[in-house]
Protein backbone atom coordinates (compact mmCIF):
# COMPACT_ATOMS: atom_id res chain seq x y z
CA UNK A 1 40.23 13.74 -3.54
CA UNK A 2 40.23 15.21 -0.04
CA UNK A 3 42.72 14.29 2.69
CA UNK A 4 40.30 12.06 4.62
CA UNK A 5 39.40 10.06 1.50
CA UNK A 6 43.09 9.64 0.66
CA UNK A 7 43.85 8.47 4.19
CA UNK A 8 40.99 5.95 4.19
CA UNK A 9 42.01 4.62 0.79
CA UNK A 10 45.63 4.24 1.91
CA UNK A 11 44.52 2.52 5.14
CA UNK A 12 42.29 0.06 3.29
CA UNK A 13 44.99 -0.76 0.74
CA UNK A 14 47.58 -1.19 3.47
CA UNK A 15 45.26 -3.32 5.60
CA UNK A 16 44.38 -5.60 2.70
CA UNK A 17 48.10 -6.26 2.08
CA UNK A 18 49.19 -6.54 5.68
CA UNK A 19 46.83 -9.18 7.03
CA UNK A 20 44.84 -9.31 10.24
CA UNK A 21 45.49 -7.47 13.49
CA UNK A 22 44.16 -8.46 16.88
CA UNK A 23 41.09 -6.40 17.89
CA UNK A 24 41.64 -5.21 21.45
CA UNK A 25 38.90 -4.62 23.99
CA UNK A 26 39.21 -2.78 27.30
CA UNK A 27 39.40 -4.94 30.43
CA UNK A 28 36.52 -5.07 32.90
CA UNK A 29 36.01 -1.77 34.77
CA UNK A 30 37.79 -2.75 38.02
CA UNK A 31 40.80 -4.11 36.14
CA UNK A 32 40.86 -1.07 33.87
CA UNK A 33 40.93 1.30 36.85
CA UNK A 34 43.85 -0.65 38.32
CA UNK A 35 45.64 -0.58 34.95
CA UNK A 36 45.07 3.19 34.67
CA UNK A 37 46.39 3.72 38.20
CA UNK A 38 49.52 1.66 37.51
CA UNK A 39 50.25 3.40 34.19
CA UNK A 40 49.75 6.88 35.69
CA UNK A 41 51.89 6.09 38.72
CA UNK A 42 54.80 5.02 36.49
CA UNK A 43 54.47 8.04 34.19
CA UNK A 44 54.49 10.48 37.10
CA UNK A 45 57.38 8.70 38.83
CA UNK A 46 59.63 8.42 35.77
CA UNK A 47 58.45 10.97 33.22
CA UNK A 48 59.29 14.60 32.62
CA UNK A 49 58.10 17.32 30.27
CA UNK A 50 58.76 16.46 26.63
CA UNK A 51 58.92 12.70 27.08
CA UNK A 52 56.92 10.58 24.65
CA UNK A 53 54.03 8.29 25.48
CA UNK A 54 53.62 5.61 22.82
CA UNK A 55 50.55 3.42 23.07
CA UNK A 56 48.34 0.74 21.61
CA UNK A 57 44.77 1.88 22.00
CA UNK A 58 41.31 0.36 21.75
CA UNK A 59 39.81 2.39 18.87
CA UNK A 60 39.33 1.07 15.33
CA UNK A 61 41.82 3.71 14.12
CA UNK A 62 44.38 2.17 16.51
CA UNK A 63 43.76 -1.21 14.88
CA UNK A 64 44.42 0.25 11.42
CA UNK A 65 47.65 1.95 12.48
CA UNK A 66 48.92 -1.17 14.29
CA UNK A 67 48.01 -3.31 11.29
CA UNK A 68 49.90 -1.34 8.66
CA UNK A 69 53.49 -1.70 9.93
CA UNK A 70 52.91 -4.97 11.83
CA UNK A 71 54.15 -3.20 14.97
CA UNK A 72 51.56 -3.39 17.76
CA UNK A 73 51.71 0.30 18.67
CA UNK A 74 49.29 2.85 17.31
CA UNK A 75 49.75 6.30 18.81
CA UNK A 76 52.34 8.73 20.20
CA UNK A 77 51.98 11.88 22.28
CA UNK A 78 54.12 14.38 24.17
CA UNK A 79 53.97 14.45 27.97
CA UNK A 80 53.32 17.79 29.69
CA UNK A 81 53.95 16.48 33.19
CA UNK A 82 53.61 19.90 34.88
CA UNK A 83 49.99 20.16 33.70
CA UNK A 84 49.22 16.40 33.89
CA UNK A 85 48.39 16.50 30.17
CA UNK A 86 49.59 15.15 26.87
CA UNK A 87 49.81 17.07 23.63
CA UNK A 88 48.65 14.80 20.83
CA UNK A 89 47.60 14.88 17.19
CA UNK A 90 44.48 12.95 16.30
CA UNK A 91 41.88 13.30 13.53
CA UNK A 92 40.54 16.45 15.19
CA UNK A 93 44.00 18.03 15.10
CA UNK A 94 46.66 18.88 17.68
CA UNK A 95 45.18 19.26 21.17
CA UNK A 96 45.87 18.81 24.88
CA UNK A 97 44.30 15.85 26.66
CA UNK A 98 44.25 15.22 30.42
CA UNK A 99 46.77 12.51 31.29
CA UNK A 100 44.07 10.44 32.98
CA UNK A 101 41.95 10.42 29.81
CA UNK A 102 44.94 9.53 27.64
CA UNK A 103 45.94 6.66 29.92
CA UNK A 104 42.35 5.37 30.02
CA UNK A 105 42.32 4.82 26.24
CA UNK A 106 45.63 2.90 26.30
CA UNK A 107 45.96 -0.88 26.26
CA UNK A 108 49.77 -0.79 26.28
CA UNK A 109 51.85 2.24 27.20
CA UNK A 110 55.55 2.95 26.70
CA UNK A 111 57.31 5.98 28.20
CA UNK A 112 60.29 7.10 26.10
CA UNK A 113 62.87 9.80 26.82
CA UNK A 114 63.96 11.29 23.46
CA UNK A 115 67.70 11.23 22.74
CA UNK A 116 67.53 15.00 22.22
CA UNK A 117 66.03 15.62 25.65
CA UNK A 118 67.80 17.62 28.34
CA UNK A 119 66.52 20.33 30.68
CA UNK A 120 66.60 23.04 28.01
CA UNK A 121 65.45 21.05 24.98
CA UNK A 122 62.58 19.31 26.79
CA UNK A 123 61.22 22.63 28.05
CA UNK A 124 61.63 24.17 24.59
CA UNK A 125 59.95 21.11 23.06
CA UNK A 126 56.89 21.31 25.31
CA UNK A 127 56.57 25.03 24.53
CA UNK A 128 56.59 24.23 20.81
CA UNK A 129 54.02 21.48 21.31
CA UNK A 130 51.72 23.87 23.19
CA UNK A 131 52.06 26.49 20.43
CA UNK A 132 51.00 23.88 17.86
CA UNK A 133 47.68 23.20 19.62
CA UNK A 134 44.96 23.95 17.11
CA UNK A 135 46.94 22.84 14.03
CA UNK A 136 45.15 20.40 11.74
CA UNK A 137 45.89 16.67 11.49
CA UNK A 138 48.30 15.61 8.73
CA UNK A 139 46.31 12.80 7.08
CA UNK A 140 48.50 12.77 3.97
CA UNK A 141 51.64 12.83 6.12
CA UNK A 142 50.77 9.32 7.28
CA UNK A 143 51.53 8.14 3.74
CA UNK A 144 54.61 10.34 3.20
CA UNK A 145 53.05 13.49 1.73
CA UNK A 146 54.02 15.79 4.59
CA UNK A 147 52.69 19.27 5.34
CA UNK A 148 54.74 21.95 7.08
CA UNK A 149 51.75 23.08 9.17
CA UNK A 150 49.87 19.83 9.91
CA UNK A 151 50.93 16.95 12.13
CA UNK A 152 50.11 13.32 12.80
CA UNK A 153 50.93 11.88 16.21
CA UNK A 154 54.51 10.61 15.92
CA UNK A 155 55.43 13.38 13.49
CA UNK A 156 54.46 15.93 16.16
CA UNK A 157 56.51 14.15 18.84
CA UNK A 158 59.67 14.15 16.72
CA UNK A 159 59.06 17.63 15.27
CA UNK A 160 59.16 19.43 18.62
CA UNK A 161 62.86 18.44 18.91
CA UNK A 162 63.73 19.37 15.30
CA UNK A 163 66.19 22.06 16.42
CA UNK A 164 68.17 19.40 18.33
CA UNK A 165 68.30 16.68 15.66
CA UNK A 166 71.82 15.52 14.85
CA UNK A 167 73.19 15.08 11.33
CA UNK A 168 73.47 11.35 12.00
CA UNK A 169 69.75 11.02 12.84
CA UNK A 170 67.88 9.21 10.08
CA UNK A 171 64.26 10.24 10.30
CA UNK A 172 61.97 8.75 7.63
CA UNK A 173 59.22 10.61 5.81
CA UNK A 174 56.64 8.52 7.67
CA UNK A 175 57.37 8.02 11.37
CA UNK A 176 55.50 5.04 12.78
CA UNK A 177 54.63 4.99 16.50
CA UNK A 178 56.43 1.65 16.75
CA UNK A 179 59.68 3.33 15.64
CA UNK A 180 59.80 5.95 18.39
CA UNK A 181 62.23 3.92 20.50
CA UNK A 182 64.84 4.45 17.75
CA UNK A 183 65.22 8.05 18.92
CA UNK A 184 64.95 7.52 22.65
CA UNK A 185 65.38 5.44 25.76
CA UNK A 186 62.50 3.31 27.00
CA UNK A 187 61.90 4.22 30.64
CA UNK A 188 58.75 2.14 31.12
CA UNK A 189 56.84 -0.44 29.10
CA UNK A 190 53.56 -1.62 30.60
CA UNK A 191 54.13 -4.99 28.97
CA UNK A 192 57.11 -5.63 31.24
CA UNK A 193 56.71 -6.59 34.90
CA UNK A 194 58.76 -3.64 36.26
């Protein structure tokens, strides 16, 4: 059984046990442009290299991820503020995406500063993330069968700070996007009115 088949089987089994998740649709174009502008403005005002962007997106895959843990977040990425990009792991592997494109596919967006982040570690983390561009997606990692050379979204975000993890940090085999706040400070949540 290949990785994609295993992932789909796990997603279907999880979805059948978990129940129904709300299917999200993008707002009308004018409202979506305003939402994108607001999200981007907050990220650029508050974010720095190595911060995490955790989102709930509009794709069917986002619905499956949000359904499984019953936490309405579906994706995580690493902010490369200097280049106005994010480094993310999706089905096509680890890649850089323009910040504007990433924001455009987000229904809800949370900016998190990792607990391990300081000037040195955040710069080191973004360098690691950039070196991992081109690595394959870790489909089996999403069900706890991790690979040392493949990454899924939240695994990538936590991995880049591995050198700075403390002995007291409890990091599970499967890191859900909705858990990212456990290892960081929320600087912005688009759901709030700030």
